[in-house]
């Protein structure tokens, strides 16, 4: 495991341990974050721990070009109960993702330092939010890092049933319309799998990520 210094450097992703941890330490500067994401690496750690940088052996992804919305979810979207906006309230989206209670999870990895850094990325046009509204109230959404050909989803939340699912589908439609190659969901979880995400190898992920480098 590599211990970062002030130098803007990451070791090759193949040097990650069996869990996927590649490096420890460093900072969340804009320059380091962009270097990380453009090289298939992302920060993920508890707020009380040092920064951990991950490049897991398997990557949870969606191919926007091939994605098929389930009939039940399409019916929900077609009812037009929700309004979806883009980049209208990034601050509220990331704040809600930090604070929302999740089943089987204590605390959050979204520290104030993460919020500050991702907000700066958003101000530079490198991070996006999708907001879901019901009767003019923010009820769900998601945010992530935008690499131009790959979108790195970071977190989502929902205050009412299906709100985050609607945000997820609208994000994929946005990516498909603009010929993005991948939605990167990072690591496996059951919710994403039910939404249609699946795992590919780190090697394949890196080939796709670097295909427009």
Protein backbone atom coordinates (compact mmCIF):
# COMPACT_ATOMS: atom_id res chain seq x y z
CA UNK A 1 0.00 0.00 0.00
CA UNK A 2 1.41 3.36 -1.04
CA UNK A 3 1.58 6.30 1.37
CA UNK A 4 1.08 9.58 -0.47
CA UNK A 5 3.22 12.67 0.02
CA UNK A 6 2.66 16.22 -1.24
CA UNK A 7 3.73 15.03 -4.69
CA UNK A 8 0.82 14.67 -7.13
CA UNK A 9 1.26 10.99 -7.82
CA UNK A 10 -0.63 7.71 -7.64
CA UNK A 11 0.87 4.27 -8.19
CA UNK A 12 -0.55 2.06 -10.96
CA UNK A 13 -4.00 0.72 -10.07
CA UNK A 14 -2.68 -2.84 -10.36
CA UNK A 15 -0.79 -2.24 -7.11
CA UNK A 16 -4.02 -2.02 -5.08
CA UNK A 17 -4.42 -4.68 -2.40
CA UNK A 18 -6.97 -7.48 -2.65
CA UNK A 19 -9.69 -5.21 -1.22
CA UNK A 20 -8.93 -2.49 -3.71
CA UNK A 21 -7.09 0.00 -1.49
CA UNK A 22 -4.32 1.60 -3.52
CA UNK A 23 -2.96 4.43 -1.38
CA UNK A 24 -3.33 6.25 1.93
CA UNK A 25 -3.05 9.92 2.81
CA UNK A 26 -2.53 12.93 0.63
CA UNK A 27 -5.25 15.53 0.34
CA UNK A 28 -8.47 16.32 -1.50
CA UNK A 29 -7.13 19.14 -3.62
CA UNK A 30 -8.78 19.71 -6.98
CA UNK A 31 -5.60 18.65 -8.76
CA UNK A 32 -5.30 15.39 -6.84
CA UNK A 33 -9.00 14.55 -7.20
CA UNK A 34 -8.92 15.06 -10.98
CA UNK A 35 -5.72 13.02 -11.24
CA UNK A 36 -7.38 10.25 -9.24
CA UNK A 37 -10.66 10.06 -11.12
CA UNK A 38 -8.97 10.26 -14.50
CA UNK A 39 -6.88 7.26 -13.49
CA UNK A 40 -9.68 5.08 -12.13
CA UNK A 41 -9.11 5.95 -8.47
CA UNK A 42 -11.55 7.40 -5.95
CA UNK A 43 -11.47 8.41 -2.25
CA UNK A 44 -13.63 6.47 0.20
CA UNK A 45 -13.03 6.49 3.93
CA UNK A 46 -14.61 7.17 7.31
CA UNK A 47 -14.27 10.75 8.51
CA UNK A 48 -12.16 9.66 11.50
CA UNK A 49 -9.67 7.77 9.32
CA UNK A 50 -6.92 8.92 6.94
CA UNK A 51 -7.91 9.33 3.30
CA UNK A 52 -8.09 5.97 1.53
CA UNK A 53 -7.81 5.82 -2.26
CA UNK A 54 -9.46 2.90 -4.01
CA UNK A 55 -9.09 1.06 -7.32
CA UNK A 56 -11.09 -2.13 -6.70
CA UNK A 57 -10.50 -5.29 -8.75
CA UNK A 58 -14.09 -5.18 -10.00
CA UNK A 59 -16.04 -2.08 -10.97
CA UNK A 60 -19.83 -1.63 -10.83
CA UNK A 61 -20.92 0.10 -14.03
CA UNK A 62 -23.78 0.87 -16.40
CA UNK A 63 -23.37 1.10 -20.16
CA UNK A 64 -25.75 3.96 -21.05
CA UNK A 65 -26.09 2.83 -24.67
CA UNK A 66 -27.43 -0.59 -23.65
CA UNK A 67 -29.46 0.36 -20.58
CA UNK A 68 -33.09 -0.72 -20.49
CA UNK A 69 -35.48 0.84 -17.98
CA UNK A 70 -37.75 -1.65 -16.25
CA UNK A 71 -41.43 -1.48 -17.16
CA UNK A 72 -42.47 -0.63 -13.59
CA UNK A 73 -39.98 2.22 -13.34
CA UNK A 74 -40.91 3.52 -16.78
CA UNK A 75 -44.55 3.60 -15.66
CA UNK A 76 -43.56 5.68 -12.62
CA UNK A 77 -41.63 8.15 -14.78
CA UNK A 78 -44.48 8.41 -17.29
CA UNK A 79 -46.86 9.48 -14.55
CA UNK A 80 -44.92 12.78 -14.41
CA UNK A 81 -45.17 13.04 -10.64
CA UNK A 82 -41.55 14.18 -10.39
CA UNK A 83 -39.67 17.06 -11.95
CA UNK A 84 -35.96 16.53 -12.57
CA UNK A 85 -33.43 19.36 -12.87
CA UNK A 86 -29.67 19.38 -13.46
CA UNK A 87 -27.14 21.41 -11.50
CA UNK A 88 -29.80 23.57 -9.87
CA UNK A 89 -28.98 22.76 -6.23
CA UNK A 90 -25.71 20.86 -5.92
CA UNK A 91 -25.25 21.99 -2.33
CA UNK A 92 -28.57 20.55 -1.17
CA UNK A 93 -27.98 17.28 -3.02
CA UNK A 94 -24.60 16.56 -1.46
CA UNK A 95 -25.83 17.73 1.95
CA UNK A 96 -28.81 15.38 1.82
CA UNK A 97 -26.58 12.51 0.68
CA UNK A 98 -24.45 13.17 3.75
CA UNK A 99 -27.33 13.31 6.23
CA UNK A 100 -29.85 10.76 4.97
CA UNK A 101 -30.18 7.65 7.12
CA UNK A 102 -29.43 4.40 5.29
CA UNK A 103 -30.54 0.95 6.36
CA UNK A 104 -27.70 -1.05 7.88
CA UNK A 105 -25.26 1.86 7.75
CA UNK A 106 -23.95 3.96 10.60
CA UNK A 107 -22.47 7.36 9.86
CA UNK A 108 -21.35 8.55 6.44
CA UNK A 109 -18.19 8.73 4.38
CA UNK A 110 -19.22 12.18 3.06
CA UNK A 111 -17.18 14.42 5.35
CA UNK A 112 -17.16 18.20 5.35
CA UNK A 113 -13.83 17.96 3.55
CA UNK A 114 -15.44 15.86 0.80
CA UNK A 115 -18.29 18.36 0.50
CA UNK A 116 -15.88 21.29 0.21
CA UNK A 117 -13.76 19.59 -2.44
CA UNK A 118 -16.65 18.27 -4.53
CA UNK A 119 -18.32 21.68 -4.39
CA UNK A 120 -15.17 23.19 -5.86
CA UNK A 121 -15.23 20.55 -8.60
CA UNK A 122 -18.84 21.47 -9.29
CA UNK A 123 -17.95 25.14 -9.57
CA UNK A 124 -15.35 24.17 -12.17
CA UNK A 125 -17.90 22.16 -14.13
CA UNK A 126 -16.34 18.84 -13.14
CA UNK A 127 -19.12 17.61 -10.84
CA UNK A 128 -22.86 17.48 -11.50
CA UNK A 129 -26.08 17.04 -9.58
CA UNK A 130 -29.50 15.75 -10.61
CA UNK A 131 -32.35 17.02 -8.44
CA UNK A 132 -35.76 15.38 -8.13
CA UNK A 133 -38.69 17.55 -7.04
CA UNK A 134 -42.20 16.68 -5.90
CA UNK A 135 -44.62 19.59 -5.49
CA UNK A 136 -41.64 21.98 -5.53
CA UNK A 137 -39.93 20.10 -2.69
CA UNK A 138 -36.53 18.43 -3.12
CA UNK A 139 -37.19 14.74 -2.48
CA UNK A 140 -34.22 12.98 -4.07
CA UNK A 141 -31.23 13.17 -6.31
CA UNK A 142 -27.64 12.22 -6.94
CA UNK A 143 -24.26 13.74 -7.72
CA UNK A 144 -20.99 12.65 -9.26
CA UNK A 145 -17.78 13.60 -11.01
CA UNK A 146 -17.99 14.29 -14.75
CA UNK A 147 -15.00 13.23 -16.86
CA UNK A 148 -16.67 14.02 -20.17
CA UNK A 149 -16.88 10.42 -21.41
CA UNK A 150 -17.33 8.63 -18.07
CA UNK A 151 -19.55 9.82 -15.22
CA UNK A 152 -18.44 8.71 -11.75
CA UNK A 153 -21.53 8.43 -9.59
CA UNK A 154 -20.81 9.27 -5.97
CA UNK A 155 -24.01 9.10 -3.94
CA UNK A 156 -27.79 9.36 -4.13
CA UNK A 157 -30.65 9.87 -1.71
CA UNK A 158 -34.40 9.58 -1.62
CA UNK A 159 -36.95 11.02 0.79
CA UNK A 160 -39.94 9.45 -0.94
CA UNK A 161 -40.23 6.12 -2.79
CA UNK A 162 -38.66 6.00 -6.26
CA UNK A 163 -37.14 9.50 -6.23
CA UNK A 164 -33.52 8.31 -6.44
CA UNK A 165 -34.50 5.74 -9.09
CA UNK A 166 -35.96 8.51 -11.24
CA UNK A 167 -32.74 10.53 -10.83
CA UNK A 168 -30.73 7.46 -11.83
CA UNK A 169 -32.70 6.93 -15.03
CA UNK A 170 -32.57 10.60 -15.97
CA UNK A 171 -28.81 10.57 -15.47
CA UNK A 172 -28.45 7.57 -17.78
CA UNK A 173 -30.65 9.23 -20.40
CA UNK A 174 -28.45 12.36 -20.16
CA UNK A 175 -25.30 10.25 -20.62
CA UNK A 176 -26.76 8.25 -23.50
CA UNK A 177 -27.77 11.39 -25.39
CA UNK A 178 -24.18 12.66 -25.12
CA UNK A 179 -22.46 9.37 -26.00
CA UNK A 180 -20.83 8.76 -22.63
CA UNK A 181 -19.13 5.38 -22.50
CA UNK A 182 -19.87 4.46 -18.89
CA UNK A 183 -21.63 5.35 -15.69
CA UNK A 184 -19.14 4.32 -13.01
CA UNK A 185 -20.95 3.16 -9.85
CA UNK A 186 -17.63 2.19 -8.22
CA UNK A 187 -18.45 -0.75 -5.92
CA UNK A 188 -21.21 -3.33 -5.80
CA UNK A 189 -24.37 -2.88 -3.80
CA UNK A 190 -27.70 -4.61 -4.11
CA UNK A 191 -29.66 -1.42 -4.84
CA UNK A 192 -27.52 -0.60 -7.87
CA UNK A 193 -27.72 -4.18 -9.10
CA UNK A 194 -31.52 -4.02 -8.98
CA UNK A 195 -31.33 -0.84 -11.04
CA UNK A 196 -29.36 -2.66 -13.72
CA UNK A 197 -25.71 -2.02 -12.83
CA UNK A 198 -23.21 -4.87 -13.16
CA UNK A 199 -19.55 -5.57 -12.50
CA UNK A 200 -16.66 -5.60 -14.94
CA UNK A 201 -12.97 -6.19 -14.32
CA UNK A 202 -10.65 -3.35 -13.38
CA UNK A 203 -8.62 -4.03 -16.53
CA UNK A 204 -11.65 -3.57 -18.79
CA UNK A 205 -12.76 -0.49 -16.87
CA UNK A 206 -9.33 1.08 -17.29
CA UNK A 207 -9.26 0.35 -21.03
CA UNK A 208 -12.59 2.13 -21.45
CA UNK A 209 -11.58 5.00 -19.19
CA UNK A 210 -8.35 5.55 -21.12
CA UNK A 211 -9.92 5.12 -24.56
CA UNK A 212 -10.49 8.87 -24.89
CA UNK A 213 -7.44 10.00 -22.97
